[in-house]
PDB file of all heavy atoms in Angstrom:
ATOM      1  N   THR A   1       0.838  -1.204   0.002  1.00  0.00           N
ATOM      2  CA  THR A   1      -0.004   0.002  -0.005  1.00  0.00           C
ATOM      3  C   THR A   1       0.871   1.247  -0.005  1.00  0.00           C
ATOM      4  O   THR A   1       1.752   1.402   0.855  1.00  0.00           O
ATOM      5  CB  THR A   1      -0.915   0.011   1.245  1.00  0.00           C
ATOM      6  OG1 THR A   1      -1.839  -1.084   1.141  1.00  0.00           O
ATOM      7  CG2 THR A   1      -1.692   1.313   1.346  1.00  0.00           C
ATOM      8  N   ALA A   2       0.642   2.113  -0.984  1.00  0.00           N
ATOM      9  CA  ALA A   2       1.467   3.312  -1.143  1.00  0.00           C
ATOM     10  C   ALA A   2       0.931   4.125  -2.325  1.00  0.00           C
ATOM     11  O   ALA A   2       0.101   3.635  -3.102  1.00  0.00           O
ATOM     12  CB  ALA A   2       2.914   2.928  -1.421  1.00  0.00           C
ATOM     13  N   VAL A   3       1.456   5.330  -2.451  1.00  0.00           N
ATOM     14  CA  VAL A   3       1.280   6.082  -3.685  1.00  0.00           C
ATOM     15  C   VAL A   3       2.446   5.702  -4.585  1.00  0.00           C
ATOM     16  O   VAL A   3       3.607   5.746  -4.158  1.00  0.00           O
ATOM     17  CB  VAL A   3       1.260   7.597  -3.434  1.00  0.00           C
ATOM     18  CG1 VAL A   3       1.129   8.349  -4.762  1.00  0.00           C
ATOM     19  CG2 VAL A   3       0.108   7.965  -2.507  1.00  0.00           C
ATOM     20  N   TYR A   4       2.122   5.316  -5.823  1.00  0.00           N
ATOM     21  CA  TYR A   4       3.129   4.889  -6.783  1.00  0.00           C
ATOM     22  C   TYR A   4       3.374   6.013  -7.785  1.00  0.00           C
ATOM     23  O   TYR A   4       2.433   6.564  -8.360  1.00  0.00           O
ATOM     24  CB  TYR A   4       2.674   3.615  -7.488  1.00  0.00           C
ATOM     25  CG  TYR A   4       2.809   2.399  -6.613  1.00  0.00           C
ATOM     26  CD1 TYR A   4       1.974   2.203  -5.512  1.00  0.00           C
ATOM     27  CD2 TYR A   4       3.806   1.445  -6.848  1.00  0.00           C
ATOM     28  CE1 TYR A   4       2.115   1.096  -4.693  1.00  0.00           C
ATOM     29  CE2 TYR A   4       3.949   0.323  -6.035  1.00  0.00           C
ATOM     30  CZ  TYR A   4       3.107   0.166  -4.960  1.00  0.00           C
ATOM     31  OH  TYR A   4       3.252  -0.932  -4.139  1.00  0.00           O
ATOM     32  N   TYR A   5       4.652   6.322  -7.983  1.00  0.00           N
ATOM     33  CA  TYR A   5       5.064   7.418  -8.852  1.00  0.00           C
ATOM     34  C   TYR A   5       5.929   6.905 -10.011  1.00  0.00           C
ATOM     35  O   TYR A   5       6.773   6.017  -9.820  1.00  0.00           O
ATOM     36  CB  TYR A   5       5.894   8.434  -8.083  1.00  0.00           C
ATOM     37  CG  TYR A   5       5.178   9.110  -6.937  1.00  0.00           C
ATOM     38  CD1 TYR A   5       5.222   8.583  -5.654  1.00  0.00           C
ATOM     39  CD2 TYR A   5       4.475  10.291  -7.142  1.00  0.00           C
ATOM     40  CE1 TYR A   5       4.574   9.210  -4.606  1.00  0.00           C
ATOM     41  CE2 TYR A   5       3.823  10.922  -6.103  1.00  0.00           C
ATOM     42  CZ  TYR A   5       3.884  10.370  -4.841  1.00  0.00           C
ATOM     43  OH  TYR A   5       3.237  10.993  -3.796  1.00  0.00           O
ATOM     44  N   CYS A   6       5.775   7.527 -11.130  1.00  0.00           N
ATOM     45  CA  CYS A   6       6.597   7.279 -12.310  1.00  0.00           C
ATOM     46  C   CYS A   6       7.659   8.382 -12.375  1.00  0.00           C
ATOM     47  O   CYS A   6       7.365   9.551 -12.044  1.00  0.00           O
ATOM     48  CB  CYS A   6       5.673   7.330 -13.526  1.00  0.00           C
ATOM     49  SG  CYS A   6       6.435   7.090 -15.100  1.00  0.00           S
ATOM     50  N   LYS A   7       8.852   8.033 -12.782  1.00  0.00           N
ATOM     51  CA  LYS A   7       9.933   9.014 -12.884  1.00  0.00           C
ATOM     52  C   LYS A   7      10.749   8.797 -14.144  1.00  0.00           C
ATOM     53  O   LYS A   7      10.987   7.654 -14.557  1.00  0.00           O
ATOM     54  CB  LYS A   7      10.878   8.897 -11.682  1.00  0.00           C
ATOM     55  CG  LYS A   7      11.940   9.988 -11.618  1.00  0.00           C
ATOM     56  CD  LYS A   7      12.999   9.686 -10.594  1.00  0.00           C
ATOM     57  CE  LYS A   7      14.149   8.906 -11.193  1.00  0.00           C
ATOM     58  NZ  LYS A   7      15.285   8.800 -10.259  1.00  0.00           N
ATOM     59  N   VAL A   8      11.162   9.902 -14.774  1.00  0.00           N
ATOM     60  CA  VAL A   8      12.141   9.844 -15.850  1.00  0.00           C
ATOM     61  C   VAL A   8      13.338  10.681 -15.435  1.00  0.00           C
ATOM     62  O   VAL A   8      13.192  11.784 -14.902  1.00  0.00           O
ATOM     63  CB  VAL A   8      11.561  10.323 -17.199  1.00  0.00           C
ATOM     64  CG1 VAL A   8      11.094  11.767 -17.145  1.00  0.00           C
ATOM     65  CG2 VAL A   8      12.596  10.149 -18.310  1.00  0.00           C
ATOM     66  N   ALA A   9      14.523  10.122 -15.643  1.00  0.00           N
ATOM     67  CA  ALA A   9      15.762  10.825 -15.315  1.00  0.00           C
ATOM     68  C   ALA A   9      16.376  11.334 -16.602  1.00  0.00           C
ATOM     69  O   ALA A   9      16.752  10.544 -17.465  1.00  0.00           O
ATOM     70  CB  ALA A   9      16.718   9.870 -14.610  1.00  0.00           C
ATOM     71  N   THR A  10      16.441  12.657 -16.750  1.00  0.00           N
ATOM     72  CA  THR A  10      17.080  13.256 -17.906  1.00  0.00           C
ATOM     73  C   THR A  10      18.438  13.818 -17.469  1.00  0.00           C
ATOM     74  O   THR A  10      18.703  13.916 -16.268  1.00  0.00           O
ATOM     75  CB  THR A  10      16.215  14.381 -18.500  1.00  0.00           C
ATOM     76  OG1 THR A  10      16.330  15.542 -17.680  1.00  0.00           O
ATOM     77  CG2 THR A  10      14.776  13.952 -18.638  1.00  0.00           C
ATOM     78  N   PRO A  11      19.284  14.216 -18.410  1.00  0.00           N
ATOM     79  CA  PRO A  11      20.588  14.779 -18.012  1.00  0.00           C
ATOM     80  C   PRO A  11      20.446  16.060 -17.191  1.00  0.00           C
ATOM     81  O   PRO A  11      21.380  16.436 -16.476  1.00  0.00           O
ATOM     82  CB  PRO A  11      21.265  15.061 -19.349  1.00  0.00           C
ATOM     83  CG  PRO A  11      20.637  14.119 -20.308  1.00  0.00           C
ATOM     84  CD  PRO A  11      19.199  14.019 -19.860  1.00  0.00           C
ATOM     85  N   PHE A  12      19.315  16.732 -17.292  1.00  0.00           N
ATOM     86  CA  PHE A  12      19.150  18.027 -16.634  1.00  0.00           C
ATOM     87  C   PHE A  12      18.450  17.911 -15.286  1.00  0.00           C
ATOM     88  O   PHE A  12      18.792  18.588 -14.340  1.00  0.00           O
ATOM     89  CB  PHE A  12      18.388  18.979 -17.545  1.00  0.00           C
ATOM     90  CG  PHE A  12      19.006  19.079 -18.905  1.00  0.00           C
ATOM     91  CD1 PHE A  12      18.427  18.442 -19.998  1.00  0.00           C
ATOM     92  CD2 PHE A  12      20.180  19.774 -19.101  1.00  0.00           C
ATOM     93  CE1 PHE A  12      19.005  18.520 -21.243  1.00  0.00           C
ATOM     94  CE2 PHE A  12      20.771  19.859 -20.346  1.00  0.00           C
ATOM     95  CZ  PHE A  12      20.190  19.225 -21.417  1.00  0.00           C
ATOM     96  N   MET A  13      17.463  17.054 -15.221  1.00  0.00           N
ATOM     97  CA  MET A  13      16.712  16.893 -13.971  1.00  0.00           C
ATOM     98  C   MET A  13      15.815  15.673 -14.054  1.00  0.00           C
ATOM     99  O   MET A  13      15.622  15.119 -15.131  1.00  0.00           O
ATOM    100  CB  MET A  13      15.863  18.132 -13.681  1.00  0.00           C
ATOM    101  CG  MET A  13      14.799  18.459 -14.703  1.00  0.00           C
ATOM    102  SD  MET A  13      13.847  19.923 -14.277  1.00  0.00           S
ATOM    103  CE  MET A  13      12.851  19.314 -12.927  1.00  0.00           C
ATOM    104  N   ASP A  14      15.300  15.281 -12.904  1.00  0.00           N
ATOM    105  CA  ASP A  14      14.322  14.203 -12.841  1.00  0.00           C
ATOM    106  C   ASP A  14      12.928  14.790 -12.900  1.00  0.00           C
ATOM    107  O   ASP A  14      12.663  15.853 -12.324  1.00  0.00           O
ATOM    108  CB  ASP A  14      14.472  13.423 -11.528  1.00  0.00           C
ATOM    109  CG  ASP A  14      15.792  12.688 -11.424  1.00  0.00           C
ATOM    110  OD1 ASP A  14      16.452  12.503 -12.471  1.00  0.00           O
ATOM    111  OD2 ASP A  14      16.161  12.301 -10.306  1.00  0.00           O
ATOM    112  N   TYR A  15      12.033  14.093 -13.588  1.00  0.00           N
ATOM    113  CA  TYR A  15      10.632  14.494 -13.656  1.00  0.00           C
ATOM    114  C   TYR A  15       9.778  13.405 -13.034  1.00  0.00           C
ATOM    115  O   TYR A  15      10.030  12.213 -13.261  1.00  0.00           O
ATOM    116  CB  TYR A  15      10.201  14.734 -15.096  1.00  0.00           C
ATOM    117  CG  TYR A  15      10.863  15.904 -15.763  1.00  0.00           C
ATOM    118  CD1 TYR A  15      12.068  15.742 -16.440  1.00  0.00           C
ATOM    119  CD2 TYR A  15      10.297  17.183 -15.718  1.00  0.00           C
ATOM    120  CE1 TYR A  15      12.687  16.822 -17.057  1.00  0.00           C
ATOM    121  CE2 TYR A  15      10.910  18.259 -16.343  1.00  0.00           C
ATOM    122  CZ  TYR A  15      12.105  18.063 -17.006  1.00  0.00           C
ATOM    123  OH  TYR A  15      12.723  19.135 -17.612  1.00  0.00           O
ATOM    124  N   TRP A  16       8.766  13.836 -12.306  1.00  0.00           N
ATOM    125  CA  TRP A  16       7.882  12.899 -11.600  1.00  0.00           C
ATOM    126  C   TRP A  16       6.427  13.127 -12.013  1.00  0.00           C
ATOM    127  O   TRP A  16       6.015  14.250 -12.272  1.00  0.00           O
ATOM    128  CB  TRP A  16       7.966  13.136 -10.092  1.00  0.00           C
ATOM    129  CG  TRP A  16       9.293  12.847  -9.490  1.00  0.00           C
ATOM    130  CD1 TRP A  16      10.363  13.707  -9.412  1.00  0.00           C
ATOM    131  CD2 TRP A  16       9.710  11.644  -8.852  1.00  0.00           C
ATOM    132  NE1 TRP A  16      11.415  13.098  -8.773  1.00  0.00           N
ATOM    133  CE2 TRP A  16      11.042  11.827  -8.417  1.00  0.00           C
ATOM    134  CE3 TRP A  16       9.094  10.425  -8.605  1.00  0.00           C
ATOM    135  CZ2 TRP A  16      11.758  10.827  -7.744  1.00  0.00           C
ATOM    136  CZ3 TRP A  16       9.807   9.437  -7.938  1.00  0.00           C
ATOM    137  CH2 TRP A  16      11.117   9.650  -7.521  1.00  0.00           C
ATOM    138  N   GLY A  17       5.669  12.045 -12.008  1.00  0.00           N
ATOM    139  CA  GLY A  17       4.224  12.176 -12.135  1.00  0.00           C
ATOM    140  C   GLY A  17       3.623  12.517 -10.784  1.00  0.00           C
ATOM    141  O   GLY A  17       4.327  12.623  -9.778  1.00  0.00           O
ATOM    142  N   LYS A  18       2.290  12.664 -10.775  1.00  0.00           N
ATOM    143  CA  LYS A  18       1.609  13.031  -9.527  1.00  0.00           C
ATOM    144  C   LYS A  18       1.271  11.833  -8.665  1.00  0.00           C
ATOM    145  O   LYS A  18       0.872  11.988  -7.513  1.00  0.00           O
ATOM    146  CB  LYS A  18       0.344  13.833  -9.847  1.00  0.00           C
ATOM    147  CG  LYS A  18       0.660  15.192 -10.458  1.00  0.00           C
ATOM    148  CD  LYS A  18      -0.595  16.004 -10.700  1.00  0.00           C
ATOM    149  CE  LYS A  18      -0.237  17.373 -11.271  1.00  0.00           C
ATOM    150  NZ  LYS A  18      -1.423  18.196 -11.539  1.00  0.00           N
ATOM    151  N   GLY A  19       1.376  10.644  -9.225  1.00  0.00           N
ATOM    152  CA  GLY A  19       1.177   9.430  -8.451  1.00  0.00           C
ATOM    153  C   GLY A  19      -0.207   8.838  -8.563  1.00  0.00           C
ATOM    154  O   GLY A  19      -1.171   9.530  -8.932  1.00  0.00           O
ATOM    155  N   THR A  20      -0.293   7.557  -8.255  1.00  0.00           N
ATOM    156  CA  THR A  20      -1.572   6.856  -8.199  1.00  0.00           C
ATOM    157  C   THR A  20      -1.566   5.989  -6.949  1.00  0.00           C
ATOM    158  O   THR A  20      -0.574   5.331  -6.639  1.00  0.00           O
ATOM    159  CB  THR A  20      -1.815   6.020  -9.477  1.00  0.00           C
ATOM    160  OG1 THR A  20      -3.112   5.446  -9.456  1.00  0.00           O
ATOM    161  CG2 THR A  20      -0.778   4.915  -9.663  1.00  0.00           C
ATOM    162  N   LEU A  21      -2.679   6.018  -6.216  1.00  0.00           N
ATOM    163  CA  LEU A  21      -2.749   5.339  -4.924  1.00  0.00           C
ATOM    164  C   LEU A  21      -3.135   3.867  -5.099  1.00  0.00           C
ATOM    165  O   LEU A  21      -4.124   3.553  -5.767  1.00  0.00           O
ATOM    166  CB  LEU A  21      -3.774   6.034  -4.028  1.00  0.00           C
ATOM    167  CG  LEU A  21      -4.036   5.390  -2.662  1.00  0.00           C
ATOM    168  CD1 LEU A  21      -2.781   5.393  -1.805  1.00  0.00           C
ATOM    169  CD2 LEU A  21      -5.179   6.123  -1.953  1.00  0.00           C
ATOM    170  N   VAL A  22      -2.342   3.002  -4.479  1.00  0.00           N
ATOM    171  CA  VAL A  22      -2.643   1.579  -4.422  1.00  0.00           C
ATOM    172  C   VAL A  22      -2.897   1.209  -2.960  1.00  0.00           C
ATOM    173  O   VAL A  22      -2.043   1.473  -2.104  1.00  0.00           O
ATOM    174  CB  VAL A  22      -1.477   0.741  -4.981  1.00  0.00           C
ATOM    175  CG1 VAL A  22      -1.710  -0.746  -4.732  1.00  0.00           C
ATOM    176  CG2 VAL A  22      -1.295   1.013  -6.464  1.00  0.00           C
ATOM    177  N   THR A  23      -4.063   0.636  -2.715  1.00  0.00           N
ATOM    178  CA  THR A  23      -4.412   0.206  -1.361  1.00  0.00           C
ATOM    179  C   THR A  23      -4.694  -1.285  -1.383  1.00  0.00           C
ATOM    180  O   THR A  23      -5.556  -1.741  -2.147  1.00  0.00           O
ATOM    181  CB  THR A  23      -5.644   0.961  -0.834  1.00  0.00           C
ATOM    182  OG1 THR A  23      -5.399   2.366  -0.887  1.00  0.00           O
ATOM    183  CG2 THR A  23      -5.952   0.554   0.595  1.00  0.00           C
ATOM    184  N   VAL A  24      -3.948  -2.029  -0.577  1.00  0.00           N
ATOM    185  CA  VAL A  24      -4.129  -3.474  -0.498  1.00  0.00           C
ATOM    186  C   VAL A  24      -4.724  -3.788   0.878  1.00  0.00           C
ATOM    187  O   VAL A  24      -4.056  -3.646   1.903  1.00  0.00           O
ATOM    188  CB  VAL A  24      -2.806  -4.226  -0.697  1.00  0.00           C
ATOM    189  CG1 VAL A  24      -3.060  -5.738  -0.713  1.00  0.00           C
ATOM    190  CG2 VAL A  24      -2.115  -3.776  -1.981  1.00  0.00           C
ATOM    191  N   SER A  25      -5.976  -4.181   0.865  1.00  0.00           N
ATOM    192  CA  SER A  25      -6.689  -4.395   2.118  1.00  0.00           C
ATOM    193  C   SER A  25      -7.880  -5.308   1.898  1.00  0.00           C
ATOM    194  O   SER A  25      -8.503  -5.281   0.823  1.00  0.00           O
ATOM    195  CB  SER A  25      -7.169  -3.056   2.683  1.00  0.00           C
ATOM    196  OG  SER A  25      -7.948  -3.251   3.844  1.00  0.00           O
TER     197      SER A  25
END
């Protein structure tokens, strides 16, 4: 259970998405 984020690493900086929540219960 967590917020899952996507990331791309470019030579200049890292970019992140806003995330999607996964709940296991």
